[in-house]
PDB file of N, CA and C in Angstrom:
ATOM      1  N   MET A   1       5.133   2.984  -3.452  1.00  0.00           N
ATOM      2  CA  MET A   1       5.453   1.589  -3.600  1.00  0.00           C
ATOM      3  C   MET A   1       4.889   1.122  -4.916  1.00  0.00           C
ATOM      4  N   ILE A   2       5.644   0.370  -5.610  1.00  0.00           N
ATOM      5  CA  ILE A   2       5.188  -0.318  -6.814  1.00  0.00           C
ATOM      6  C   ILE A   2       5.617  -1.765  -6.649  1.00  0.00           C
ATOM      7  N   GLY A   3       4.756  -2.687  -6.989  1.00  0.00           N
ATOM      8  CA  GLY A   3       5.140  -4.080  -6.820  1.00  0.00           C
ATOM      9  C   GLY A   3       4.311  -5.022  -7.670  1.00  0.00           C
ATOM     10  N   ARG A   4       4.763  -6.261  -7.727  1.00  0.00           N
ATOM     11  CA  ARG A   4       4.058  -7.319  -8.435  1.00  0.00           C
ATOM     12  C   ARG A   4       3.420  -8.208  -7.379  1.00  0.00           C
ATOM     13  N   VAL A   5       2.115  -8.419  -7.485  1.00  0.00           N
ATOM     14  CA  VAL A   5       1.370  -9.177  -6.484  1.00  0.00           C
ATOM     15  C   VAL A   5       0.449 -10.157  -7.180  1.00  0.00           C
ATOM     16  N   GLN A   6       0.360 -11.367  -6.631  1.00  0.00           N
ATOM     17  CA  GLN A   6      -0.624 -12.344  -7.065  1.00  0.00           C
ATOM     18  C   GLN A   6      -1.491 -12.639  -5.858  1.00  0.00           C
ATOM     19  N   GLY A   7      -2.775 -12.530  -5.997  1.00  0.00           N
ATOM     20  CA  GLY A   7      -3.665 -12.849  -4.890  1.00  0.00           C
ATOM     21  C   GLY A   7      -4.843 -11.906  -4.855  1.00  0.00           C
ATOM     22  N   VAL A   8      -6.016 -12.463  -4.816  1.00  0.00           N
ATOM     23  CA  VAL A   8      -7.239 -11.679  -4.782  1.00  0.00           C
ATOM     24  C   VAL A   8      -7.378 -11.015  -3.424  1.00  0.00           C
ATOM     25  N   GLY A   9      -7.806  -9.780  -3.421  1.00  0.00           N
ATOM     26  CA  GLY A   9      -8.080  -9.083  -2.173  1.00  0.00           C
ATOM     27  C   GLY A   9      -6.910  -8.306  -1.607  1.00  0.00           C
ATOM     28  N   PHE A  10      -5.788  -8.269  -2.284  1.00  0.00           N
ATOM     29  CA  PHE A  10      -4.623  -7.557  -1.757  1.00  0.00           C
ATOM     30  C   PHE A  10      -4.952  -6.093  -1.486  1.00  0.00           C
ATOM     31  N   ARG A  11      -5.620  -5.447  -2.440  1.00  0.00           N
ATOM     32  CA  ARG A  11      -5.917  -4.017  -2.266  1.00  0.00           C
ATOM     33  C   ARG A  11      -6.821  -3.776  -1.061  1.00  0.00           C
ATOM     34  N   TYR A  12      -7.822  -4.602  -0.893  1.00  0.00           N
ATOM     35  CA  TYR A  12      -8.766  -4.394   0.210  1.00  0.00           C
ATOM     36  C   TYR A  12      -8.135  -4.696   1.561  1.00  0.00           C
ATOM     37  N   HIS A  13      -7.269  -5.681   1.614  1.00  0.00           N
ATOM     38  CA  HIS A  13      -6.549  -5.963   2.852  1.00  0.00           C
ATOM     39  C   HIS A  13      -5.580  -4.821   3.155  1.00  0.00           C
ATOM     40  N   THR A  14      -4.985  -4.250   2.119  1.00  0.00           N
ATOM     41  CA  THR A  14      -4.078  -3.119   2.288  1.00  0.00           C
ATOM     42  C   THR A  14      -4.815  -1.919   2.879  1.00  0.00           C
ATOM     43  N   VAL A  15      -6.053  -1.681   2.448  1.00  0.00           N
ATOM     44  CA  VAL A  15      -6.866  -0.597   3.019  1.00  0.00           C
ATOM     45  C   VAL A  15      -7.070  -0.838   4.510  1.00  0.00           C
ATOM     46  N   HIS A  16      -7.386  -2.067   4.878  1.00  0.00           N
ATOM     47  CA  HIS A  16      -7.614  -2.397   6.287  1.00  0.00           C
ATOM     48  C   HIS A  16      -6.359  -2.136   7.127  1.00  0.00           C
ATOM     49  N   VAL A  17      -5.210  -2.608   6.656  1.00  0.00           N
ATOM     50  CA  VAL A  17      -3.958  -2.436   7.387  1.00  0.00           C
ATOM     51  C   VAL A  17      -3.599  -0.950   7.488  1.00  0.00           C
ATOM     52  N   ALA A  18      -3.704  -0.227   6.388  1.00  0.00           N
ATOM     53  CA  ALA A  18      -3.384   1.203   6.388  1.00  0.00           C
ATOM     54  C   ALA A  18      -4.287   1.963   7.353  1.00  0.00           C
ATOM     55  N   SER A  19      -5.556   1.664   7.340  1.00  0.00           N
ATOM     56  CA  SER A  19      -6.502   2.349   8.225  1.00  0.00           C
ATOM     57  C   SER A  19      -6.176   2.072   9.684  1.00  0.00           C
ATOM     58  N   ARG A  20      -5.829   0.833   9.988  1.00  0.00           N
ATOM     59  CA  ARG A  20      -5.474   0.456  11.355  1.00  0.00           C
ATOM     60  C   ARG A  20      -4.229   1.211  11.832  1.00  0.00           C
ATOM     61  N   LEU A  21      -3.295   1.473  10.911  1.00  0.00           N
ATOM     62  CA  LEU A  21      -2.051   2.159  11.257  1.00  0.00           C
ATOM     63  C   LEU A  21      -2.167   3.681  11.188  1.00  0.00           C
ATOM     64  N   GLY A  22      -3.302   4.206  10.734  1.00  0.00           N
ATOM     65  CA  GLY A  22      -3.456   5.654  10.602  1.00  0.00           C
ATOM     66  C   GLY A  22      -2.792   6.210   9.362  1.00  0.00           C
ATOM     67  N   ILE A  23      -2.574   5.364   8.364  1.00  0.00           N
ATOM     68  CA  ILE A  23      -1.964   5.765   7.096  1.00  0.00           C
ATOM     69  C   ILE A  23      -3.049   6.314   6.176  1.00  0.00           C
ATOM     70  N   THR A  24      -2.742   7.359   5.436  1.00  0.00           N
ATOM     71  CA  THR A  24      -3.667   7.900   4.440  1.00  0.00           C
ATOM     72  C   THR A  24      -3.058   7.720   3.052  1.00  0.00           C
ATOM     73  N   GLY A  25      -3.923   7.762   2.023  1.00  0.00           N
ATOM     74  CA  GLY A  25      -3.444   7.622   0.653  1.00  0.00           C
ATOM     75  C   GLY A  25      -4.318   6.685  -0.139  1.00  0.00           C
ATOM     76  N   TRP A  26      -3.707   5.868  -1.009  1.00  0.00           N
ATOM     77  CA  TRP A  26      -4.479   4.982  -1.873  1.00  0.00           C
ATOM     78  C   TRP A  26      -3.670   3.781  -2.321  1.00  0.00           C
ATOM     79  N   VAL A  27      -4.381   2.778  -2.843  1.00  0.00           N
ATOM     80  CA  VAL A  27      -3.811   1.599  -3.478  1.00  0.00           C
ATOM     81  C   VAL A  27      -4.600   1.371  -4.758  1.00  0.00           C
ATOM     82  N   ARG A  28      -3.908   0.958  -5.831  1.00  0.00           N
ATOM     83  CA  ARG A  28      -4.605   0.703  -7.095  1.00  0.00           C
ATOM     84  C   ARG A  28      -3.815  -0.283  -7.939  1.00  0.00           C
ATOM     85  N   ASN A  29      -4.519  -0.915  -8.858  1.00  0.00           N
ATOM     86  CA  ASN A  29      -3.877  -1.759  -9.861  1.00  0.00           C
ATOM     87  C   ASN A  29      -3.409  -0.866 -10.991  1.00  0.00           C
ATOM     88  N   ALA A  30      -2.203  -1.080 -11.455  1.00  0.00           N
ATOM     89  CA  ALA A  30      -1.672  -0.335 -12.591  1.00  0.00           C
ATOM     90  C   ALA A  30      -1.981  -1.103 -13.874  1.00  0.00           C
ATOM     91  N   SER A  31      -1.907  -0.432 -14.997  1.00  0.00           N
ATOM     92  CA  SER A  31      -2.240  -1.049 -16.281  1.00  0.00           C
ATOM     93  C   SER A  31      -1.297  -2.191 -16.657  1.00  0.00           C
ATOM     94  N   ASP A  32      -0.083  -2.205 -16.089  1.00  0.00           N
ATOM     95  CA  ASP A  32       0.875  -3.275 -16.391  1.00  0.00           C
ATOM     96  C   ASP A  32       0.722  -4.493 -15.481  1.00  0.00           C
ATOM     97  N   GLY A  33      -0.294  -4.479 -14.605  1.00  0.00           N
ATOM     98  CA  GLY A  33      -0.530  -5.605 -13.709  1.00  0.00           C
ATOM     99  C   GLY A  33       0.101  -5.458 -12.343  1.00  0.00           C
ATOM    100  N   SER A  34       0.879  -4.420 -12.134  1.00  0.00           N
ATOM    101  CA  SER A  34       1.469  -4.195 -10.820  1.00  0.00           C
ATOM    102  C   SER A  34       0.456  -3.482  -9.919  1.00  0.00           C
ATOM    103  N   VAL A  35       0.809  -3.370  -8.655  1.00  0.00           N
ATOM    104  CA  VAL A  35      -0.016  -2.651  -7.679  1.00  0.00           C
ATOM    105  C   VAL A  35       0.772  -1.429  -7.233  1.00  0.00           C
ATOM    106  N   GLU A  36       0.118  -0.268  -7.211  1.00  0.00           N
ATOM    107  CA  GLU A  36       0.753   0.967  -6.763  1.00  0.00           C
ATOM    108  C   GLU A  36       0.101   1.408  -5.460  1.00  0.00           C
ATOM    109  N   VAL A  37       0.925   1.940  -4.564  1.00  0.00           N
ATOM    110  CA  VAL A  37       0.447   2.437  -3.278  1.00  0.00           C
ATOM    111  C   VAL A  37       1.061   3.807  -3.046  1.00  0.00           C
ATOM    112  N   LEU A  38       0.244   4.757  -2.639  1.00  0.00           N
ATOM    113  CA  LEU A  38       0.737   6.038  -2.163  1.00  0.00           C
ATOM    114  C   LEU A  38       0.313   6.112  -0.707  1.00  0.00           C
ATOM    115  N   ALA A  39       1.263   6.236   0.195  1.00  0.00           N
ATOM    116  CA  ALA A  39       0.970   6.195   1.627  1.00  0.00           C
ATOM    117  C   ALA A  39       1.622   7.371   2.334  1.00  0.00           C
ATOM    118  N   GLU A  40       0.860   8.004   3.229  1.00  0.00           N
ATOM    119  CA  GLU A  40       1.366   9.103   4.046  1.00  0.00           C
ATOM    120  C   GLU A  40       1.038   8.816   5.505  1.00  0.00           C
ATOM    121  N   GLY A  41       1.958   9.151   6.376  1.00  0.00           N
ATOM    122  CA  GLY A  41       1.763   8.958   7.806  1.00  0.00           C
ATOM    123  C   GLY A  41       3.058   9.213   8.545  1.00  0.00           C
ATOM    124  N   ASP A  42       3.046   8.944   9.861  1.00  0.00           N
ATOM    125  CA  ASP A  42       4.268   9.140  10.642  1.00  0.00           C
ATOM    126  C   ASP A  42       5.265   8.027  10.323  1.00  0.00           C
ATOM    127  N   GLN A  43       6.516   8.256  10.650  1.00  0.00           N
ATOM    128  CA  GLN A  43       7.599   7.333  10.276  1.00  0.00           C
ATOM    129  C   GLN A  43       7.397   5.929  10.817  1.00  0.00           C
ATOM    130  N   GLU A  44       6.967   5.802  12.066  1.00  0.00           N
ATOM    131  CA  GLU A  44       6.770   4.485  12.674  1.00  0.00           C
ATOM    132  C   GLU A  44       5.658   3.713  11.954  1.00  0.00           C
ATOM    133  N   SER A  45       4.551   4.393  11.678  1.00  0.00           N
ATOM    134  CA  SER A  45       3.441   3.749  10.974  1.00  0.00           C
ATOM    135  C   SER A  45       3.835   3.362   9.563  1.00  0.00           C
ATOM    136  N   LEU A  46       4.570   4.233   8.881  1.00  0.00           N
ATOM    137  CA  LEU A  46       5.010   3.922   7.520  1.00  0.00           C
ATOM    138  C   LEU A  46       5.979   2.742   7.506  1.00  0.00           C
ATOM    139  N   ALA A  47       6.838   2.641   8.513  1.00  0.00           N
ATOM    140  CA  ALA A  47       7.763   1.506   8.588  1.00  0.00           C
ATOM    141  C   ALA A  47       6.986   0.206   8.767  1.00  0.00           C
ATOM    142  N   SER A  48       5.965   0.206   9.614  1.00  0.00           N
ATOM    143  CA  SER A  48       5.125  -0.983   9.804  1.00  0.00           C
ATOM    144  C   SER A  48       4.375  -1.325   8.526  1.00  0.00           C
ATOM    145  N   PHE A  49       3.860  -0.309   7.855  1.00  0.00           N
ATOM    146  CA  PHE A  49       3.122  -0.510   6.612  1.00  0.00           C
ATOM    147  C   PHE A  49       4.036  -1.076   5.525  1.00  0.00           C
ATOM    148  N   GLU A  50       5.260  -0.570   5.453  1.00  0.00           N
ATOM    149  CA  GLU A  50       6.215  -1.070   4.462  1.00  0.00           C
ATOM    150  C   GLU A  50       6.510  -2.551   4.716  1.00  0.00           C
ATOM    151  N   ARG A  51       6.665  -2.944   5.979  1.00  0.00           N
ATOM    152  CA  ARG A  51       6.882  -4.367   6.288  1.00  0.00           C
ATOM    153  C   ARG A  51       5.700  -5.198   5.802  1.00  0.00           C
ATOM    154  N   TYR A  52       4.473  -4.704   6.039  1.00  0.00           N
ATOM    155  CA  TYR A  52       3.285  -5.412   5.558  1.00  0.00           C
ATOM    156  C   TYR A  52       3.325  -5.553   4.027  1.00  0.00           C
ATOM    157  N   LEU A  53       3.680  -4.480   3.315  1.00  0.00           N
ATOM    158  CA  LEU A  53       3.674  -4.510   1.855  1.00  0.00           C
ATOM    159  C   LEU A  53       4.647  -5.558   1.302  1.00  0.00           C
ATOM    160  N   HIS A  54       5.727  -5.797   2.008  1.00  0.00           N
ATOM    161  CA  HIS A  54       6.682  -6.816   1.565  1.00  0.00           C
ATOM    162  C   HIS A  54       6.134  -8.224   1.743  1.00  0.00           C
ATOM    163  N   GLU A  55       5.215  -8.409   2.673  1.00  0.00           N
ATOM    164  CA  GLU A  55       4.646  -9.733   2.945  1.00  0.00           C
ATOM    165  C   GLU A  55       3.251  -9.906   2.362  1.00  0.00           C
ATOM    166  N   GLY A  56       2.398  -8.892   2.497  1.00  0.00           N
ATOM    167  CA  GLY A  56       1.015  -8.989   2.056  1.00  0.00           C
ATOM    168  C   GLY A  56       0.224  -9.929   2.943  1.00  0.00           C
ATOM    169  N   PRO A  57      -1.053 -10.110   2.642  1.00  0.00           N
ATOM    170  CA  PRO A  57      -1.867 -11.055   3.400  1.00  0.00           C
ATOM    171  C   PRO A  57      -1.424 -12.490   3.113  1.00  0.00           C
ATOM    172  N   SER A  58      -1.833 -13.408   3.940  1.00  0.00           N
ATOM    173  CA  SER A  58      -1.356 -14.796   3.838  1.00  0.00           C
ATOM    174  C   SER A  58      -1.697 -15.454   2.507  1.00  0.00           C
ATOM    175  N   TYR A  59      -2.738 -15.013   1.821  1.00  0.00           N
ATOM    176  CA  TYR A  59      -3.168 -15.629   0.565  1.00  0.00           C
ATOM    177  C   TYR A  59      -2.578 -14.962  -0.673  1.00  0.00           C
ATOM    178  N   ALA A  60      -1.704 -13.993  -0.497  1.00  0.00           N
ATOM    179  CA  ALA A  60      -1.092 -13.291  -1.628  1.00  0.00           C
ATOM    180  C   ALA A  60       0.389 -13.647  -1.714  1.00  0.00           C
ATOM    181  N   VAL A  61       0.937 -13.525  -2.902  1.00  0.00           N
ATOM    182  CA  VAL A  61       2.366 -13.700  -3.117  1.00  0.00           C
ATOM    183  C   VAL A  61       2.909 -12.372  -3.638  1.00  0.00           C
ATOM    184  N   VAL A  62       3.790 -11.749  -2.869  1.00  0.00           N
ATOM    185  CA  VAL A  62       4.411 -10.486  -3.274  1.00  0.00           C
ATOM    186  C   VAL A  62       5.744 -10.833  -3.923  1.00  0.00           C
ATOM    187  N   ALA A  63       5.860 -10.553  -5.221  1.00  0.00           N
ATOM    188  CA  ALA A  63       7.057 -10.925  -5.968  1.00  0.00           C
ATOM    189  C   ALA A  63       8.159  -9.873  -5.870  1.00  0.00           C
ATOM    190  N   ALA A  64       7.792  -8.603  -5.765  1.00  0.00           N
ATOM    191  CA  ALA A  64       8.785  -7.528  -5.722  1.00  0.00           C
ATOM    192  C   ALA A  64       8.141  -6.273  -5.165  1.00  0.00           C
ATOM    193  N   VAL A  65       8.950  -5.447  -4.532  1.00  0.00           N
ATOM    194  CA  VAL A  65       8.484  -4.155  -4.008  1.00  0.00           C
ATOM    195  C   VAL A  65       9.554  -3.116  -4.325  1.00  0.00           C
ATOM    196  N   GLU A  66       9.125  -1.991  -4.846  1.00  0.00           N
ATOM    197  CA  GLU A  66      10.025  -0.857  -5.100  1.00  0.00           C
ATOM    198  C   GLU A  66       9.482   0.320  -4.303  1.00  0.00           C
ATOM    199  N   ILE A  67      10.285   0.845  -3.408  1.00  0.00           N
ATOM    200  CA  ILE A  67       9.855   1.950  -2.551  1.00  0.00           C
ATOM    201  C   ILE A  67      10.418   3.263  -3.093  1.00  0.00           C
ATOM    202  N   ARG A  68       9.555   4.251  -3.223  1.00  0.00           N
ATOM    203  CA  ARG A  68       9.948   5.618  -3.573  1.00  0.00           C
ATOM    204  C   ARG A  68       9.421   6.504  -2.459  1.00  0.00           C
ATOM    205  N   ARG A  69      10.125   7.538  -2.114  1.00  0.00           N
ATOM    206  CA  ARG A  69       9.714   8.412  -1.033  1.00  0.00           C
ATOM    207  C   ARG A  69       9.462   9.842  -1.538  1.00  0.00           C
ATOM    208  N   PRO A  70       8.261  10.062  -2.113  1.00  0.00           N
ATOM    209  CA  PRO A  70       7.944  11.422  -2.585  1.00  0.00           C
ATOM    210  C   PRO A  70       7.660  12.346  -1.395  1.00  0.00           C
ATOM    211  N   VAL A  71       7.583  13.607  -1.656  1.00  0.00           N
ATOM    212  CA  VAL A  71       7.246  14.587  -0.633  1.00  0.00           C
ATOM    213  C   VAL A  71       5.794  14.387  -0.212  1.00  0.00           C
ATOM    214  N   GLU A  72       5.560  14.362   1.088  1.00  0.00           N
ATOM    215  CA  GLU A  72       4.203  14.176   1.606  1.00  0.00           C
ATOM    216  C   GLU A  72       3.356  15.411   1.283  1.00  0.00           C
ATOM    217  N   THR A  73       2.117  15.159   0.840  1.00  0.00           N
ATOM    218  CA  THR A  73       1.228  16.253   0.454  1.00  0.00           C
ATOM    219  C   THR A  73       0.250  16.649   1.553  1.00  0.00           C
ATOM    220  N   GLY A  74      -0.164  15.696   2.373  1.00  0.00           N
ATOM    221  CA  GLY A  74      -1.123  15.970   3.433  1.00  0.00           C
ATOM    222  C   GLY A  74      -2.547  16.162   2.942  1.00  0.00           C
ATOM    223  N   VAL A  75      -2.826  15.860   1.673  1.00  0.00           N
ATOM    224  CA  VAL A  75      -4.167  16.087   1.126  1.00  0.00           C
ATOM    225  C   VAL A  75      -5.129  14.925   1.377  1.00  0.00           C
ATOM    226  N   TYR A  76      -4.604  13.767   1.768  1.00  0.00           N
ATOM    227  CA  TYR A  76      -5.464  12.591   1.954  1.00  0.00           C
ATOM    228  C   TYR A  76      -5.994  12.538   3.382  1.00  0.00           C
ATOM    229  N   ARG A  77      -7.278  12.209   3.507  1.00  0.00           N
ATOM    230  CA  ARG A  77      -7.925  12.132   4.825  1.00  0.00           C
ATOM    231  C   ARG A  77      -8.151  10.697   5.259  1.00  0.00           C
ATOM    232  N   SER A  78      -8.045   9.756   4.309  1.00  0.00           N
ATOM    233  CA  SER A  78      -8.264   8.340   4.591  1.00  0.00           C
ATOM    234  C   SER A  78      -7.420   7.531   3.619  1.00  0.00           C
ATOM    235  N   PHE A  79      -7.558   6.213   3.689  1.00  0.00           N
ATOM    236  CA  PHE A  79      -6.862   5.342   2.751  1.00  0.00           C
ATOM    237  C   PHE A  79      -7.920   4.581   1.983  1.00  0.00           C
ATOM    238  N   ARG A  80      -7.789   4.539   0.657  1.00  0.00           N
ATOM    239  CA  ARG A  80      -8.848   3.944  -0.162  1.00  0.00           C
ATOM    240  C   ARG A  80      -8.281   3.219  -1.383  1.00  0.00           C
ATOM    241  N   VAL A  81      -9.139   2.421  -1.996  1.00  0.00           N
ATOM    242  CA  VAL A  81      -8.814   1.802  -3.273  1.00  0.00           C
ATOM    243  C   VAL A  81      -9.169   2.804  -4.356  1.00  0.00           C
ATOM    244  N   GLU A  82      -8.242   3.052  -5.257  1.00  0.00           N
ATOM    245  CA  GLU A  82      -8.519   3.901  -6.421  1.00  0.00           C
ATOM    246  C   GLU A  82      -8.666   2.999  -7.633  1.00  0.00           C
ATOM    247  N   TYR A  83      -9.496   3.434  -8.561  1.00  0.00           N
ATOM    248  CA  TYR A  83      -9.735   2.671  -9.783  1.00  0.00           C
ATOM    249  C   TYR A  83      -9.315   3.441 -10.994  1.00  0.00           C
TER     250      TYR A  83
END
């Protein structure tokens, strides 16, 4: 996922939601100001997570979301903020 987000705490709220859903991977700010997410999990959990990414937490404004579906690697054990 790549998207444009306004709102403090989006990445940390995303970690909470991903962890609750059993999603592994990461979220980070990109150099162009967008937010990138790499998420792995079962189809149902990923569908719920994708719905969350389109809305974000109540204090954030999600302007756009672009979904890409790369091959799952299985190397992630948790979901975290990357810097």
